[in-house]
Protein backbone atom coordinates (compact mmCIF):
# COMPACT_ATOMS: atom_id res chain seq x y z
CA MET A 1 -4.20 -28.57 -8.55
CA THR A 2 -6.20 -26.69 -5.94
CA LYS A 3 -5.69 -22.94 -6.04
CA LYS A 4 -3.96 -21.65 -2.92
CA GLU A 5 -5.70 -19.25 -0.57
CA PRO A 6 -4.96 -15.56 -1.23
CA ILE A 7 -2.33 -13.86 0.90
CA LEU A 8 -2.44 -10.32 2.31
CA VAL A 9 0.94 -8.59 2.09
CA ILE A 10 1.40 -5.57 4.37
CA MET A 11 4.14 -3.05 3.59
CA ALA A 12 5.40 -1.86 6.97
CA ALA A 13 9.10 -1.24 6.40
CA GLY A 14 8.92 2.54 5.95
CA MET A 15 9.41 5.01 8.75
CA GLY A 16 6.95 7.88 9.01
CA SER A 17 9.36 10.68 8.19
CA ARG A 18 6.76 13.47 8.13
CA PHE A 19 4.87 12.20 11.19
CA GLY A 20 7.99 11.24 13.11
CA GLY A 21 8.67 7.70 14.29
CA LEU A 22 6.92 4.41 13.73
CA LYS A 23 3.46 5.77 12.90
CA GLN A 24 2.29 2.21 12.22
CA ILE A 25 1.98 1.60 15.99
CA GLN A 26 0.27 4.87 16.99
CA PRO A 27 -3.05 4.10 18.82
CA VAL A 28 -6.14 5.58 17.13
CA ASP A 29 -8.79 4.78 19.75
CA GLN A 30 -9.22 4.51 23.51
CA GLU A 31 -8.84 0.74 23.36
CA GLY A 32 -5.31 1.08 21.98
CA HIS A 33 -6.02 -0.25 18.47
CA ILE A 34 -3.72 0.97 15.71
CA ILE A 35 -4.75 1.55 12.09
CA ILE A 36 -3.49 -1.83 10.96
CA ASP A 37 -5.80 -3.56 13.45
CA PHE A 38 -8.80 -2.28 11.53
CA SER A 39 -7.29 -3.32 8.19
CA LEU A 40 -6.54 -6.82 9.46
CA PHE A 41 -9.99 -7.17 11.02
CA ASP A 42 -11.60 -6.11 7.73
CA ALA A 43 -9.32 -8.50 5.85
CA TRP A 44 -10.29 -11.38 8.13
CA ARG A 45 -13.99 -10.61 7.60
CA ALA A 46 -13.37 -10.60 3.85
CA GLY A 47 -11.80 -14.09 3.98
CA PHE A 48 -8.03 -13.62 4.24
CA ARG A 49 -6.26 -16.09 6.52
CA ARG A 50 -2.60 -15.68 5.49
CA LEU A 51 -0.47 -12.59 6.22
CA VAL A 52 3.00 -11.51 5.18
CA PHE A 53 4.45 -8.45 6.93
CA ILE A 54 7.28 -6.62 5.17
CA ILE A 55 9.36 -4.94 7.86
CA LYS A 56 12.89 -3.82 8.62
CA LYS A 57 14.96 -6.36 10.52
CA GLU A 58 15.71 -3.83 13.26
CA HIS A 59 11.97 -3.38 13.91
CA GLU A 60 11.22 -7.09 14.18
CA GLU A 61 10.97 -7.42 17.96
CA LEU A 62 8.80 -4.31 18.32
CA PHE A 63 6.55 -5.22 15.40
CA ARG A 64 6.05 -8.80 16.55
CA ARG A 65 5.19 -7.61 20.05
CA THR A 66 2.74 -4.91 18.99
CA VAL A 67 1.15 -6.55 15.92
CA GLY A 68 2.34 -9.93 14.70
CA ASP A 69 2.08 -11.99 17.87
CA ARG A 70 -1.50 -10.85 18.43
CA MET A 71 -2.52 -11.85 14.91
CA GLU A 72 -1.22 -15.42 15.12
CA GLN A 73 -4.45 -16.69 16.68
CA TRP A 74 -6.36 -15.47 13.62
CA PHE A 75 -3.92 -15.80 10.72
CA GLU A 76 -0.95 -17.73 9.45
CA VAL A 77 1.73 -15.04 9.85
CA ASN A 78 5.03 -14.73 8.00
CA TYR A 79 7.67 -11.99 7.79
CA VAL A 80 9.81 -10.59 4.99
CA PHE A 81 12.69 -8.23 5.67
CA GLN A 82 13.26 -5.40 3.23
CA GLU A 83 17.01 -4.95 3.39
CA LEU A 84 19.13 -2.48 1.47
CA ALA A 85 21.69 -5.14 0.64
CA ARG A 86 19.15 -7.38 -1.13
CA LEU A 87 20.23 -6.36 -4.61
CA PRO A 88 20.84 -8.12 -7.93
CA GLU A 89 24.26 -9.68 -8.38
CA GLY A 90 26.92 -7.11 -9.20
CA TYR A 91 25.27 -4.17 -7.37
CA ARG A 92 26.08 -2.74 -3.96
CA VAL A 93 24.52 -0.22 -1.61
CA PRO A 94 25.74 3.33 -2.33
CA GLU A 95 27.82 4.88 0.41
CA GLY A 96 25.60 6.80 2.84
CA ARG A 97 22.34 5.26 1.57
CA GLU A 98 19.81 4.63 4.39
CA LYS A 99 16.48 5.03 2.58
CA PRO A 100 14.69 1.79 1.55
CA TRP A 101 14.55 1.05 -2.17
CA GLY A 102 10.79 1.67 -2.43
CA THR A 103 7.54 -0.26 -2.76
CA GLY A 104 8.64 -2.22 -5.83
CA HIS A 105 11.66 -3.55 -3.99
CA ALA A 106 9.55 -4.28 -0.90
CA ILE A 107 7.22 -6.55 -2.85
CA ALA A 108 10.12 -8.13 -4.76
CA CYS A 109 11.58 -9.20 -1.42
CA CYS A 110 8.52 -11.46 -0.97
CA GLN A 111 9.83 -13.88 -3.58
CA GLY A 112 10.32 -17.26 -1.90
CA VAL A 113 7.68 -16.52 0.76
CA VAL A 114 4.58 -15.50 -1.20
CA ASP A 115 3.37 -18.54 -3.14
CA ALA A 116 -0.21 -17.63 -4.07
CA PRO A 117 -2.28 -14.75 -5.47
CA PHE A 118 -1.89 -11.83 -3.11
CA ALA A 119 -3.17 -8.41 -2.15
CA VAL A 120 -0.92 -5.52 -1.11
CA ILE A 121 -1.66 -2.74 1.38
CA ASN A 122 0.24 -0.07 3.29
CA ALA A 123 0.43 -0.68 7.04
CA ASP A 124 -0.51 2.88 7.94
CA ASP A 125 -3.57 3.43 5.72
CA PHE A 126 -7.21 2.77 6.59
CA TYR A 127 -8.93 1.28 3.54
CA GLY A 128 -12.46 0.32 4.61
CA ALA A 129 -14.23 -3.05 4.76
CA SER A 130 -15.64 -3.09 1.22
CA ALA A 131 -12.17 -2.60 -0.28
CA PHE A 132 -10.93 -5.85 1.27
CA ALA A 133 -14.08 -7.70 0.24
CA GLU A 134 -13.60 -6.60 -3.39
CA ILE A 135 -9.92 -7.51 -3.64
CA TYR A 136 -10.42 -10.87 -1.92
CA ARG A 137 -13.25 -11.76 -4.31
CA PHE A 138 -11.04 -10.85 -7.28
CA LEU A 139 -8.15 -13.00 -6.07
CA LYS A 140 -10.43 -15.98 -5.41
CA GLU A 141 -12.16 -15.78 -8.78
CA SER A 142 -9.35 -14.77 -11.17
CA GLU A 143 -7.83 -17.61 -13.20
CA ASP A 144 -5.58 -15.44 -15.40
CA GLU A 145 -2.10 -14.75 -14.04
CA SER A 146 -1.74 -11.81 -16.43
CA GLN A 147 -4.73 -10.00 -14.92
CA TYR A 148 -4.14 -7.83 -11.87
CA ALA A 149 -6.51 -5.60 -9.95
CA MET A 150 -6.35 -2.26 -8.16
CA VAL A 151 -8.90 -0.79 -5.77
CA GLY A 152 -9.60 2.72 -7.06
CA TYR A 153 -10.51 5.50 -4.62
CA ARG A 154 -12.05 8.89 -5.36
CA LEU A 155 -9.40 11.57 -4.91
CA ARG A 156 -11.70 13.64 -2.68
CA ASN A 157 -11.81 10.72 -0.24
CA THR A 158 -8.02 10.48 0.10
CA VAL A 159 -6.71 13.97 0.92
CA THR A 160 -5.93 15.66 4.22
CA GLU A 161 -6.59 19.15 5.55
CA ASN A 162 -3.08 19.31 6.99
CA GLY A 163 -0.76 19.37 3.98
CA SER A 164 0.04 17.69 0.70
CA VAL A 165 -0.24 14.01 -0.18
CA ALA A 166 1.32 11.88 -2.89
CA ARG A 167 -1.12 9.91 -5.01
CA GLY A 168 -1.05 7.84 -8.16
CA VAL A 169 -3.66 9.50 -10.40
CA CYS A 170 -5.18 6.87 -12.67
CA GLN A 171 -6.32 6.82 -16.26
CA VAL A 172 -9.22 4.37 -16.45
CA GLU A 173 -11.13 3.24 -19.52
CA GLU A 174 -14.14 0.94 -19.22
CA GLY A 175 -12.93 -0.36 -15.85
CA ILE A 176 -9.38 -1.08 -17.03
CA LEU A 177 -6.31 0.79 -15.83
CA LYS A 178 -4.42 2.41 -18.70
CA GLY A 179 -1.76 4.21 -16.68
CA ILE A 180 -0.82 5.95 -13.42
CA THR A 181 0.78 9.36 -13.01
CA GLU A 182 2.55 9.88 -9.70
CA LEU A 183 1.90 13.34 -8.26
CA THR A 184 3.80 14.08 -5.07
CA GLU A 185 2.19 17.37 -4.00
CA ILE A 186 -1.61 17.26 -4.04
CA TYR A 187 -3.59 19.60 -1.81
CA LYS A 188 -7.24 19.50 -0.79
CA ASP A 189 -9.32 22.23 -2.46
CA GLY A 190 -12.89 21.95 -1.23
CA GLU A 191 -14.48 18.91 -2.88
CA ASN A 192 -11.63 18.86 -5.41
CA ALA A 193 -7.85 19.18 -5.26
CA ARG A 194 -4.91 20.98 -6.83
CA TYR A 195 -1.37 19.88 -7.47
CA THR A 196 2.00 21.40 -8.24
CA LEU A 197 5.08 20.05 -9.94
CA ASP A 198 7.38 22.93 -9.05
CA GLY A 199 5.95 24.32 -5.79
CA THR A 200 4.77 27.51 -7.54
CA HIS A 201 2.29 26.76 -10.31
CA PHE A 202 -0.89 24.84 -9.48
CA GLU A 203 -3.34 22.87 -11.59
CA GLY A 204 -6.79 21.69 -10.55
CA LEU A 205 -7.86 18.07 -10.18
CA SER A 206 -11.44 16.83 -9.98
CA GLY A 207 -12.34 15.18 -6.71
CA ASP A 208 -13.87 12.37 -8.79
CA ARG A 209 -10.52 11.32 -10.28
CA VAL A 210 -9.59 7.75 -9.46
CA VAL A 211 -6.38 7.35 -7.47
CA SER A 212 -4.33 4.42 -6.24
CA MET A 213 -3.82 3.89 -2.52
CA ASN A 214 -1.50 0.91 -3.07
CA LEU A 215 -4.26 -1.65 -2.62
CA TRP A 216 -3.42 -4.13 -5.36
CA GLY A 217 -4.24 -7.69 -6.30
CA PHE A 218 -1.49 -9.66 -8.05
CA SER A 219 -0.57 -13.08 -9.28
CA GLU A 220 2.88 -14.40 -8.36
CA LYS A 221 3.98 -13.29 -11.83
CA ILE A 222 4.61 -9.75 -10.56
CA LEU A 223 7.49 -10.97 -8.35
CA GLU A 224 9.53 -12.09 -11.34
CA GLU A 225 8.75 -8.86 -13.18
CA LEU A 226 9.88 -6.76 -10.24
CA TRP A 227 13.26 -8.47 -10.03
CA ALA A 228 13.68 -8.45 -13.81
CA GLY A 229 13.20 -4.68 -13.95
CA PHE A 230 15.30 -3.79 -10.92
CA PRO A 231 18.74 -3.73 -12.63
CA ARG A 232 17.40 -1.34 -15.27
CA PHE A 233 16.08 0.94 -12.54
CA LEU A 234 19.43 0.88 -10.71
CA ASP A 235 21.40 1.58 -13.87
CA GLU A 236 19.24 4.59 -14.70
CA ASN A 237 18.92 6.09 -11.22
CA LEU A 238 22.01 5.33 -9.16
CA PRO A 239 24.24 7.71 -11.18
CA VAL A 240 21.87 10.66 -10.58
CA ASN A 241 20.26 10.01 -7.19
CA PRO A 242 22.13 7.25 -5.34
CA LYS A 243 20.86 8.03 -1.83
CA LYS A 244 17.15 8.61 -2.44
CA CYS A 245 15.94 7.03 -5.70
CA GLU A 246 13.01 4.65 -5.20
CA TYR A 247 11.73 1.69 -7.20
CA PHE A 248 7.99 2.27 -7.18
CA LEU A 249 5.49 -0.57 -7.60
CA PRO A 250 3.12 1.46 -9.85
CA THR A 251 6.03 2.24 -12.21
CA VAL A 252 6.53 -1.47 -12.84
CA VAL A 253 2.79 -2.03 -13.31
CA ASN A 254 2.71 0.90 -15.76
CA ARG A 255 5.50 -0.65 -17.80
CA GLN A 256 3.74 -4.02 -17.92
CA ILE A 257 0.55 -2.31 -19.12
CA GLU A 258 2.44 -0.40 -21.82
CA GLU A 259 4.15 -3.59 -23.01
CA GLY A 260 0.82 -5.43 -23.16
CA LYS A 261 1.91 -8.04 -20.63
CA VAL A 262 -0.97 -7.51 -18.18
CA THR A 263 -4.38 -5.95 -17.78
CA VAL A 264 -5.40 -4.31 -14.51
CA ARG A 265 -9.03 -4.21 -13.47
CA VAL A 266 -10.02 -1.18 -11.41
CA LEU A 267 -12.37 -2.13 -8.59
CA PRO A 268 -14.41 0.98 -7.71
CA CYS A 269 -14.45 1.98 -4.05
CA GLU A 270 -16.38 4.74 -2.32
CA GLU A 271 -14.70 4.24 1.05
CA VAL A 272 -13.00 7.19 2.73
CA TRP A 273 -9.27 6.75 3.27
CA TYR A 274 -7.78 7.71 6.62
CA GLY A 275 -4.11 7.93 7.47
CA VAL A 276 -1.63 9.74 9.65
CA THR A 277 0.52 11.54 7.13
CA TYR A 278 0.96 14.47 9.50
CA HIS A 279 0.73 14.67 13.28
CA ASP A 280 -2.47 16.73 13.09
CA ASP A 281 -4.14 13.94 11.10
CA LEU A 282 -4.22 11.74 14.19
CA GLN A 283 -7.27 13.42 15.74
CA THR A 284 -9.16 13.20 12.43
CA VAL A 285 -8.52 9.46 12.30
CA MET A 286 -9.55 9.00 15.94
CA ASP A 287 -12.79 10.92 15.38
CA ALA A 288 -13.59 8.87 12.26
CA ILE A 289 -12.95 5.57 14.05
CA GLN A 290 -15.20 6.58 16.92
CA GLU A 291 -17.95 7.60 14.50
CA MET A 292 -17.74 4.20 12.78
CA LYS A 293 -17.97 2.48 16.15
CA ASP A 294 -21.05 4.56 16.99
CA ARG A 295 -22.61 3.34 13.73
CA GLY A 296 -21.85 -0.28 14.59
CA ILE A 297 -19.27 -0.84 11.83
CA TYR A 298 -16.69 -1.83 14.44
CA LYS A 299 -16.97 -3.06 18.01
CA GLU A 300 -15.09 -1.45 20.89
CA GLU A 301 -12.89 -4.55 21.04
CA LEU A 302 -12.38 -5.66 17.44
CA TRP A 303 -11.60 -9.32 18.03
CA GLY A 304 -13.79 -9.61 21.10
């Protein structure tokens, strides 16, 4: 049986709470391109031809108009709706809950739509062309459904001058991911960084540490694992944090690694991440995009 073409899954259901509003559709150049335009252009150059957007149902019309409809001349485009009520049998949405269930739930919602090896990205992060080339090559060449991949960025290339960021700090041995520690308050510190767990005491982090930016390569196997682990997550977290607990994708991958179910190859990447975590990040992103255009990495009109 012929292996199906890899799919690119874009997580776009989250609202930009710190930036304010739908940051996914904020223009980052004079031509009106948004960050996802550059990711999709890089993905197309790498070889991807199938897209799945994960969005909220209430954003469908706006997202189709600003992104999806434009991409249909280049890609096969599908949509998945991350809905609070999509829960295992016997569970219900806690009263007052509005926050999505997290990245693990977002990807789980792709079951029934994603039917091939797939890559995952965030809609509002700039990843760089080589990152898409690496993950596409992995998905095309891998024959083992128990082997995943993650594009690993240098921490120094993923922080902002304007506040803290959350990153999955990776333990890597001989190119294989051994575990991820989620740190939610990491601050730039020159070429390095520092983090805090309590808002008072800080520890240093080398700028060379490998971090996850949620650019993954998976077999379809992960979808079953995500649903299988969701009831356990709900049982453990709903009693203590019913309105805000989140089912994180790296947590599930961590568990699979610990149980010996999968191996995760880390694909090294020296690209610089750009994103609009805070309003003041927008100018930094715009300046970086213009500089890349001046160097000929992108054209003024991407699809020309």
